[in-house]
Amino acid sequence: MRKYLAKIIGILVLICAISVSGAEKAADAPAIKVGAIFAITGRASYLGAPEAKTAEMLIEKINKEGGVNGHKIELLMKDSGGKPENAISLAKQLIDEENVLAIIGPSTSGETMQIKNICQESKTILLSCAAAEDIVNPVASYVFKVPQKDSDAVRHIYQVMKAKGIKRIGVITSNDGYGVAGGKQLANLAELAGITIAISEAYDTQETDLTGLLTKVKGQDVNAVVNWSIVPAQSLVARNMRQIGLDVPLFQSSGFGNIKYVQAGGEAANGTIFPCGRLLVADELPDNHPQKAVLIAYKKDYESRFKEDASTFGGHTYDALLVLTEAIKKAGSTDREKVRDAMENLKGVVGIAGVFNFSSKDHNGLDMNAYEKLTVKDGKFVIYKK
């Protein structure tokens, strides 16, 4: 009996030793440094603020659950103020001084395009939260983005126009990276869709009154107006159209996906049509929709913590961190090249923007199905129905 007990005690001691050793190894595992560049302040803060809050919430959750492959994540978050020159210096700092594995962000397309080559040349993974398709077209091996493609957004808009018999339109865009990229996609796809762009005008991102510009558009006898921007001025469009009697359908880009724009537009915003991710209408989705559980959980967590409506912009951070952590798990390593390779081969990753399926030729991983056509009804976002 004594020999038996001694044997049992010996086994238990060995198990405890192994457990302690494993715990010590996990505790000693170096943190994974991840950089983040968001427009937390400035005119693009409606993008960067929810992105930063989402990052804070998710990193806390990931680390509380033991990190990724035993490694905690150390997030080095920087505020660019939405300025490309700031994004450049911050990216260099994160790469050269902090040696981060990856950079999440920036918030805007203009900033992203300024640091794209910096990240590529340093072989630092970039997961942009900006929408312009030029970010990943042509493909750069270390550069990815998580918002849906702007060309697919244009296709959704033109589908609705075709169904409505709209053929002659006016286009207005902001003069930043996002606006320029969207304007290009609208022009490139118009002929194929049977659409004539009668007038295309750009406005400054600081603009506070678009009546003059819209009066020019009205003079072209258009059947609809498309505004493509991510700046607060997009909330002016509906109000200014009403003021000058431009009574035609208004289409917006996916950048309209923030209820604050509807509130700022007031009653005039009702009827606005735009393509967007499903976060804004998560409750309307059927229970068997592959994204519903993820969307509802994120929306609940964000709104209960920050006491404000969740926006699709915060969802971009969710997706960027999801893609990065899934790639690290798949790689079984924190080596940049191995994580990059794993990221490029991720399939079926269910996020806020859609279900991601990356490849060597597609560093966005989303198709037209990632968008839902939405409209504004009684001051709220609802699924658009013909």
Protein backbone atom coordinates (compact mmCIF):
# COMPACT_ATOMS: atom_id res chain seq x y z
CA MET A 1 0.00 0.00 0.00
CA ARG A 2 2.83 2.40 0.93
CA LYS A 3 4.56 1.71 -2.37
CA TYR A 4 1.26 2.36 -4.20
CA LEU A 5 0.69 5.65 -2.35
CA ALA A 6 4.27 6.71 -2.99
CA LYS A 7 3.80 6.02 -6.67
CA ILE A 8 0.57 8.08 -6.78
CA ILE A 9 2.20 10.96 -4.92
CA GLY A 10 5.12 10.88 -7.34
CA ILE A 11 2.78 11.10 -10.33
CA LEU A 12 0.89 14.01 -8.75
CA VAL A 13 4.13 15.85 -8.03
CA LEU A 14 5.22 15.35 -11.66
CA ILE A 15 1.88 16.64 -12.95
CA CYS A 16 2.13 19.71 -10.72
CA ALA A 17 5.67 20.34 -11.89
CA ILE A 18 4.62 20.13 -15.53
CA SER A 19 1.66 22.46 -14.89
CA VAL A 20 3.82 25.01 -13.11
CA SER A 21 6.41 24.82 -15.86
CA GLY A 22 3.71 25.35 -18.51
CA ALA A 23 2.26 28.30 -16.61
CA GLU A 24 5.70 29.83 -16.25
CA LYS A 25 6.33 29.46 -19.98
CA ALA A 26 2.99 31.10 -20.78
CA ALA A 27 3.75 33.92 -18.34
CA ASP A 28 7.22 34.34 -19.85
CA ALA A 29 5.95 34.36 -23.44
CA PRO A 30 6.83 37.72 -24.98
CA ALA A 31 3.95 40.03 -25.83
CA ILE A 32 3.04 40.52 -29.48
CA LYS A 33 3.48 44.17 -30.37
CA VAL A 34 0.72 45.49 -32.62
CA GLY A 35 0.54 49.09 -33.78
CA ALA A 36 -2.66 51.00 -34.45
CA ILE A 37 -3.06 54.33 -36.23
CA PHE A 38 -6.51 55.89 -35.88
CA ALA A 39 -7.94 59.36 -36.44
CA ILE A 40 -9.08 59.56 -32.82
CA THR A 41 -9.25 63.35 -32.99
CA GLY A 42 -9.83 65.76 -35.88
CA ARG A 43 -12.48 65.81 -38.59
CA ALA A 44 -12.23 62.05 -39.18
CA SER A 45 -12.75 61.22 -35.48
CA TYR A 46 -16.19 59.75 -36.31
CA LEU A 47 -14.11 56.97 -37.89
CA GLY A 48 -11.16 56.77 -35.53
CA ALA A 49 -12.94 57.17 -32.20
CA PRO A 50 -15.10 54.01 -32.52
CA GLU A 51 -12.11 52.18 -34.03
CA ALA A 52 -9.98 53.05 -30.99
CA LYS A 53 -12.73 52.09 -28.55
CA THR A 54 -13.21 48.76 -30.29
CA ALA A 55 -9.46 48.08 -30.17
CA GLU A 56 -9.39 48.83 -26.44
CA MET A 57 -12.34 46.52 -25.79
CA LEU A 58 -11.07 43.61 -27.90
CA ILE A 59 -7.46 43.68 -26.73
CA GLU A 60 -8.66 43.60 -23.13
CA LYS A 61 -10.87 40.60 -23.93
CA ILE A 62 -8.16 38.74 -25.88
CA ASN A 63 -5.58 39.20 -23.12
CA LYS A 64 -8.05 38.29 -20.38
CA GLU A 65 -8.65 35.00 -22.20
CA GLY A 66 -4.92 34.21 -22.32
CA GLY A 67 -3.82 36.00 -25.47
CA VAL A 68 -3.02 34.34 -28.77
CA ASN A 69 -1.08 31.07 -28.64
CA GLY A 70 -0.09 32.03 -25.08
CA HIS A 71 1.12 35.51 -26.07
CA LYS A 72 -0.60 38.63 -24.75
CA ILE A 73 -1.03 41.48 -27.23
CA GLU A 74 0.58 44.83 -26.51
CA LEU A 75 -1.34 47.44 -28.49
CA LEU A 76 0.55 50.63 -29.32
CA MET A 77 -2.24 52.99 -30.34
CA LYS A 78 -1.47 56.31 -32.04
CA ASP A 79 -3.69 59.26 -32.98
CA SER A 80 -3.04 60.61 -36.48
CA GLY A 81 -5.71 63.29 -36.31
CA GLY A 82 -6.66 62.06 -39.79
CA LYS A 83 -3.58 63.71 -41.33
CA PRO A 84 -1.49 61.72 -43.84
CA GLU A 85 1.76 63.39 -42.75
CA ASN A 86 1.11 62.24 -39.18
CA ALA A 87 0.34 58.70 -40.34
CA ILE A 88 3.72 58.56 -42.10
CA SER A 89 5.74 59.55 -39.04
CA LEU A 90 3.71 57.28 -36.75
CA ALA A 91 4.11 54.28 -39.08
CA LYS A 92 7.88 54.80 -39.18
CA GLN A 93 7.98 55.06 -35.42
CA LEU A 94 5.99 51.86 -34.93
CA ILE A 95 8.14 49.98 -37.43
CA ASP A 96 11.62 51.33 -36.68
CA GLU A 97 11.43 51.93 -32.94
CA GLU A 98 8.78 49.46 -31.73
CA ASN A 99 9.32 46.65 -34.27
CA VAL A 100 5.61 45.83 -34.38
CA LEU A 101 4.34 42.67 -36.02
CA ALA A 102 1.51 44.53 -37.75
CA ILE A 103 -0.25 47.89 -38.01
CA ILE A 104 -4.03 48.19 -37.75
CA GLY A 105 -5.44 51.20 -39.60
CA PRO A 106 -5.17 53.97 -40.59
CA SER A 107 -8.75 55.21 -40.53
CA THR A 108 -8.76 56.94 -43.92
CA SER A 109 -7.79 55.97 -47.45
CA GLY A 110 -5.52 58.97 -47.94
CA GLU A 111 -3.47 58.05 -44.87
CA THR A 112 -3.32 54.39 -45.87
CA MET A 113 -2.03 55.15 -49.34
CA GLN A 114 0.75 57.25 -47.81
CA ILE A 115 2.05 54.41 -45.62
CA LYS A 116 1.32 51.47 -47.92
CA ASN A 117 4.82 51.40 -49.44
CA ILE A 118 6.47 52.02 -46.06
CA CYS A 119 4.86 48.88 -44.66
CA GLN A 120 5.53 46.86 -47.79
CA GLU A 121 9.22 47.78 -47.93
CA SER A 122 9.72 47.00 -44.22
CA LYS A 123 7.73 43.75 -44.50
CA THR A 124 5.33 44.89 -41.80
CA ILE A 125 1.76 43.62 -42.12
CA LEU A 126 -0.75 46.42 -42.72
CA LEU A 127 -4.45 45.79 -42.08
CA SER A 128 -6.15 48.96 -43.24
CA CYS A 129 -9.50 50.13 -41.88
CA ALA A 130 -10.04 52.30 -44.98
CA ALA A 131 -12.19 51.45 -47.97
CA ALA A 132 -10.48 52.62 -51.18
CA GLU A 133 -9.85 49.70 -53.49
CA ASP A 134 -6.50 51.16 -54.55
CA ILE A 135 -5.16 50.04 -51.17
CA VAL A 136 -5.11 46.42 -52.34
CA ASN A 137 -5.19 46.88 -56.10
CA PRO A 138 -2.59 46.13 -57.24
CA VAL A 139 -1.80 43.62 -54.51
CA ALA A 140 1.17 44.33 -52.25
CA SER A 141 2.20 41.19 -50.37
CA TYR A 142 2.12 42.73 -46.86
CA VAL A 143 -0.88 45.04 -47.34
CA PHE A 144 -4.47 43.99 -46.59
CA LYS A 145 -7.74 45.82 -45.93
CA VAL A 146 -10.97 44.79 -44.21
CA PRO A 147 -13.75 47.18 -45.38
CA GLN A 148 -15.71 46.06 -48.43
CA LYS A 149 -14.68 47.05 -51.97
CA ASP A 150 -15.86 50.43 -53.22
CA SER A 151 -16.39 48.99 -56.71
CA ASP A 152 -18.89 46.51 -55.25
CA ALA A 153 -20.65 49.39 -53.49
CA VAL A 154 -20.97 51.14 -56.85
CA ARG A 155 -22.41 47.99 -58.42
CA HIS A 156 -25.08 47.82 -55.70
CA ILE A 157 -25.99 51.47 -56.29
CA TYR A 158 -26.24 50.96 -60.04
CA GLN A 159 -28.40 47.85 -59.53
CA VAL A 160 -30.96 49.94 -57.64
CA MET A 161 -30.79 52.68 -60.27
CA LYS A 162 -31.43 50.19 -63.06
CA ALA A 163 -34.47 48.83 -61.22
CA LYS A 164 -35.77 52.40 -60.79
CA GLY A 165 -35.14 53.35 -64.41
CA ILE A 166 -32.54 55.96 -63.43
CA LYS A 167 -30.12 56.69 -66.27
CA ARG A 168 -28.80 60.23 -65.85
CA ILE A 169 -27.06 61.14 -62.59
CA GLY A 170 -25.02 63.80 -60.87
CA VAL A 171 -21.99 62.81 -58.81
CA ILE A 172 -20.40 64.80 -56.00
CA THR A 173 -17.38 63.58 -54.05
CA SER A 174 -15.08 64.80 -51.30
CA ASN A 175 -11.61 65.77 -52.53
CA ASP A 176 -9.79 63.29 -50.27
CA GLY A 177 -8.49 59.80 -51.00
CA TYR A 178 -11.82 58.09 -50.38
CA GLY A 179 -13.78 60.53 -52.52
CA VAL A 180 -11.32 60.38 -55.40
CA ALA A 181 -11.28 56.56 -55.37
CA GLY A 182 -15.07 56.35 -55.26
CA GLY A 183 -15.48 58.87 -58.04
CA LYS A 184 -13.17 56.80 -60.20
CA GLN A 185 -15.20 53.62 -59.59
CA LEU A 186 -18.47 55.43 -60.34
CA ALA A 187 -17.04 56.64 -63.66
CA ASN A 188 -15.45 53.31 -64.61
CA LEU A 189 -18.61 51.27 -64.08
CA ALA A 190 -21.21 53.74 -65.37
CA GLU A 191 -21.27 52.80 -69.06
CA LEU A 192 -21.57 49.09 -68.35
CA ALA A 193 -24.55 49.84 -66.08
CA GLY A 194 -26.21 52.06 -68.68
CA ILE A 195 -25.67 55.16 -66.56
CA THR A 196 -24.70 58.60 -67.83
CA ILE A 197 -22.85 60.86 -65.40
CA ALA A 198 -24.07 64.29 -66.49
CA ILE A 199 -21.88 66.14 -64.00
CA SER A 200 -19.18 65.18 -61.52
CA GLU A 201 -17.93 67.71 -58.96
CA ALA A 202 -15.63 67.55 -55.95
CA TYR A 203 -15.88 69.53 -52.74
CA ASP A 204 -13.49 70.30 -49.91
CA THR A 205 -13.69 68.09 -46.83
CA GLN A 206 -14.12 71.21 -44.69
CA GLU A 207 -17.22 72.33 -46.61
CA THR A 208 -20.21 73.45 -44.54
CA ASP A 209 -22.65 74.34 -47.35
CA LEU A 210 -23.17 72.44 -50.61
CA THR A 211 -26.08 74.41 -52.05
CA GLY A 212 -23.93 76.07 -54.72
CA LEU A 213 -22.52 72.76 -55.90
CA LEU A 214 -25.92 71.06 -55.85
CA THR A 215 -27.46 73.96 -57.79
CA LYS A 216 -25.00 73.18 -60.58
CA VAL A 217 -26.05 69.53 -60.41
CA LYS A 218 -29.73 70.50 -60.54
CA GLY A 219 -29.07 72.45 -63.73
CA GLN A 220 -28.07 69.23 -65.50
CA ASP A 221 -31.57 67.71 -65.22
CA VAL A 222 -30.40 64.58 -63.40
CA ASN A 223 -32.57 61.66 -62.24
CA ALA A 224 -30.53 61.03 -59.08
CA VAL A 225 -27.57 62.27 -57.05
CA VAL A 226 -24.68 60.19 -55.70
CA ASN A 227 -22.54 61.57 -52.91
CA TRP A 228 -19.29 59.75 -52.14
CA SER A 229 -17.52 60.82 -48.97
CA ILE A 230 -16.74 59.92 -45.37
CA VAL A 231 -16.69 63.47 -44.04
CA PRO A 232 -19.42 65.14 -41.96
CA ALA A 233 -20.42 67.17 -45.03
CA GLN A 234 -22.32 64.14 -46.32
CA SER A 235 -25.04 64.94 -43.78
CA LEU A 236 -25.51 68.28 -45.57
CA VAL A 237 -26.41 66.80 -48.93
CA ALA A 238 -30.00 65.80 -48.21
CA ARG A 239 -30.79 69.07 -46.42
CA ASN A 240 -29.22 71.20 -49.14
CA MET A 241 -31.03 69.24 -51.88
CA ARG A 242 -34.33 69.93 -50.16
CA GLN A 243 -33.49 73.61 -49.74
CA ILE A 244 -32.97 74.10 -53.48
CA GLY A 245 -35.84 71.84 -54.56
CA LEU A 246 -33.68 69.09 -56.06
CA ASP A 247 -36.30 66.39 -55.63
CA VAL A 248 -34.56 63.25 -56.90
CA PRO A 249 -33.31 60.09 -55.10
CA LEU A 250 -30.11 60.49 -53.08
CA PHE A 251 -27.56 57.68 -52.99
CA GLN A 252 -24.63 57.67 -50.56
CA SER A 253 -21.52 55.50 -50.25
CA SER A 254 -20.99 52.97 -47.48
CA GLY A 255 -19.33 55.83 -45.58
CA PHE A 256 -22.85 56.94 -44.64
CA GLY A 257 -23.06 54.05 -42.18
CA ASN A 258 -23.24 56.12 -39.00
CA ILE A 259 -26.60 57.07 -37.49
CA LYS A 260 -25.14 60.47 -36.54
CA TYR A 261 -25.24 61.46 -40.22
CA VAL A 262 -28.93 60.63 -40.34
CA GLN A 263 -29.57 62.65 -37.20
CA ALA A 264 -27.64 65.60 -38.62
CA GLY A 265 -29.54 65.37 -41.91
CA GLY A 266 -32.88 65.41 -40.12
CA GLU A 267 -36.11 64.54 -41.90
CA ALA A 268 -34.48 65.22 -45.27
CA ALA A 269 -32.26 62.15 -44.80
CA ASN A 270 -35.27 59.82 -45.04
CA GLY A 271 -35.21 57.86 -48.28
CA THR A 272 -31.42 57.97 -48.68
CA ILE A 273 -30.20 54.72 -50.25
CA PHE A 274 -26.73 53.26 -49.69
CA PRO A 275 -24.85 49.94 -49.60
CA CYS A 276 -23.36 48.98 -46.25
CA GLY A 277 -22.36 46.12 -44.00
CA ARG A 278 -25.06 44.35 -41.99
CA LEU A 279 -24.14 45.60 -38.53
CA LEU A 280 -26.65 48.44 -38.81
CA VAL A 281 -29.53 46.03 -39.46
CA ALA A 282 -28.33 42.98 -37.53
CA ASP A 283 -31.67 42.53 -35.78
CA GLU A 284 -33.45 42.23 -39.14
CA LEU A 285 -31.33 39.32 -40.34
CA PRO A 286 -32.72 35.77 -40.24
CA ASP A 287 -31.45 33.68 -37.33
CA ASN A 288 -29.56 31.33 -39.66
CA HIS A 289 -27.55 34.14 -41.28
CA PRO A 290 -23.83 33.30 -40.81
CA GLN A 291 -23.00 36.79 -39.51
CA LYS A 292 -25.93 37.42 -37.20
CA ALA A 293 -24.48 36.01 -33.96
CA VAL A 294 -21.17 37.84 -34.46
CA LEU A 295 -22.89 41.13 -35.29
CA ILE A 296 -25.32 40.98 -32.36
CA ALA A 297 -22.52 40.10 -29.90
CA TYR A 298 -20.26 42.95 -31.05
CA LYS A 299 -23.11 45.45 -31.06
CA LYS A 300 -24.19 44.44 -27.55
CA ASP A 301 -20.65 44.51 -26.12
CA TYR A 302 -19.79 47.86 -27.67
CA GLU A 303 -23.03 49.64 -26.80
CA SER A 304 -23.16 48.35 -23.22
CA ARG A 305 -19.58 49.44 -22.61
CA PHE A 306 -19.47 52.81 -24.35
CA LYS A 307 -23.14 53.87 -24.14
CA GLU A 308 -23.32 54.84 -27.81
CA ASP A 309 -24.49 53.23 -31.04
CA ALA A 310 -22.05 50.84 -32.68
CA SER A 311 -20.95 51.89 -36.17
CA THR A 312 -19.50 49.99 -39.10
CA PHE A 313 -16.24 51.89 -38.58
CA GLY A 314 -15.58 50.29 -35.20
CA GLY A 315 -16.38 47.01 -36.93
CA HIS A 316 -13.35 47.54 -39.17
CA THR A 317 -11.08 47.32 -36.12
CA TYR A 318 -12.90 44.20 -34.98
CA ASP A 319 -12.25 42.59 -38.36
CA ALA A 320 -8.61 43.68 -38.55
CA LEU A 321 -7.82 42.21 -35.13
CA LEU A 322 -9.85 39.08 -35.92
CA VAL A 323 -7.94 38.48 -39.15
CA LEU A 324 -4.59 39.12 -37.47
CA THR A 325 -5.22 36.83 -34.50
CA GLU A 326 -6.58 34.05 -36.73
CA ALA A 327 -3.46 34.31 -38.89
CA ILE A 328 -1.18 34.12 -35.84
CA LYS A 329 -3.04 31.03 -34.62
CA LYS A 330 -2.83 29.39 -38.03
CA ALA A 331 0.86 30.23 -38.41
CA GLY A 332 1.66 28.97 -34.92
CA SER A 333 4.26 31.69 -34.88
CA THR A 334 4.80 35.43 -34.52
CA ASP A 335 7.22 35.51 -37.44
CA ARG A 336 6.03 38.24 -39.83
CA GLU A 337 6.45 36.19 -42.98
CA LYS A 338 4.70 33.13 -41.57
CA VAL A 339 1.81 35.22 -40.24
CA ARG A 340 1.52 37.01 -43.59
CA ASP A 341 1.44 33.69 -45.45
CA ALA A 342 -1.23 32.36 -43.09
CA MET A 343 -3.30 35.53 -43.48
CA GLU A 344 -3.25 35.23 -47.25
CA ASN A 345 -4.76 31.76 -46.96
CA LEU A 346 -7.50 32.42 -44.41
CA LYS A 347 -10.93 31.14 -45.50
CA GLY A 348 -14.39 31.40 -43.99
CA VAL A 349 -13.54 33.93 -41.28
CA VAL A 350 -16.84 35.45 -40.16
CA GLY A 351 -16.45 39.12 -39.27
CA ILE A 352 -18.43 42.34 -39.08
CA ALA A 353 -17.97 43.34 -42.74
CA GLY A 354 -18.64 39.86 -44.09
CA VAL A 355 -17.11 36.40 -44.46
CA PHE A 356 -13.43 36.76 -45.39
CA ASN A 357 -11.77 34.50 -47.97
CA PHE A 358 -8.30 35.80 -48.81
CA SER A 359 -5.95 34.65 -51.54
CA SER A 360 -2.68 35.71 -53.16
CA LYS A 361 -4.74 37.71 -55.66
CA ASP A 362 -7.28 39.12 -53.20
CA HIS A 363 -6.10 40.92 -50.05
CA ASN A 364 -9.60 42.12 -49.20
CA GLY A 365 -11.31 38.76 -49.10
CA LEU A 366 -14.85 40.07 -49.56
CA ASP A 367 -17.26 40.07 -52.50
CA MET A 368 -20.56 41.79 -53.34
CA ASN A 369 -22.39 39.60 -50.84
CA ALA A 370 -20.67 41.50 -48.02
CA TYR A 371 -22.96 44.46 -48.70
CA GLU A 372 -26.62 44.93 -47.88
CA LYS A 373 -28.67 47.64 -49.59
CA LEU A 374 -29.99 49.97 -46.87
CA THR A 375 -32.21 53.02 -46.70
CA VAL A 376 -33.30 55.53 -44.08
CA LYS A 377 -36.88 55.29 -42.84
CA ASP A 378 -38.24 57.44 -40.01
CA GLY A 379 -34.71 58.39 -39.03
CA LYS A 380 -33.49 54.78 -38.79
CA PHE A 381 -31.50 52.38 -40.97
CA VAL A 382 -33.54 49.57 -42.50
CA ILE A 383 -32.96 47.02 -45.27
CA TYR A 384 -33.92 48.50 -48.64
CA LYS A 385 -36.80 46.77 -50.35
CA LYS A 386 -37.76 47.35 -53.96
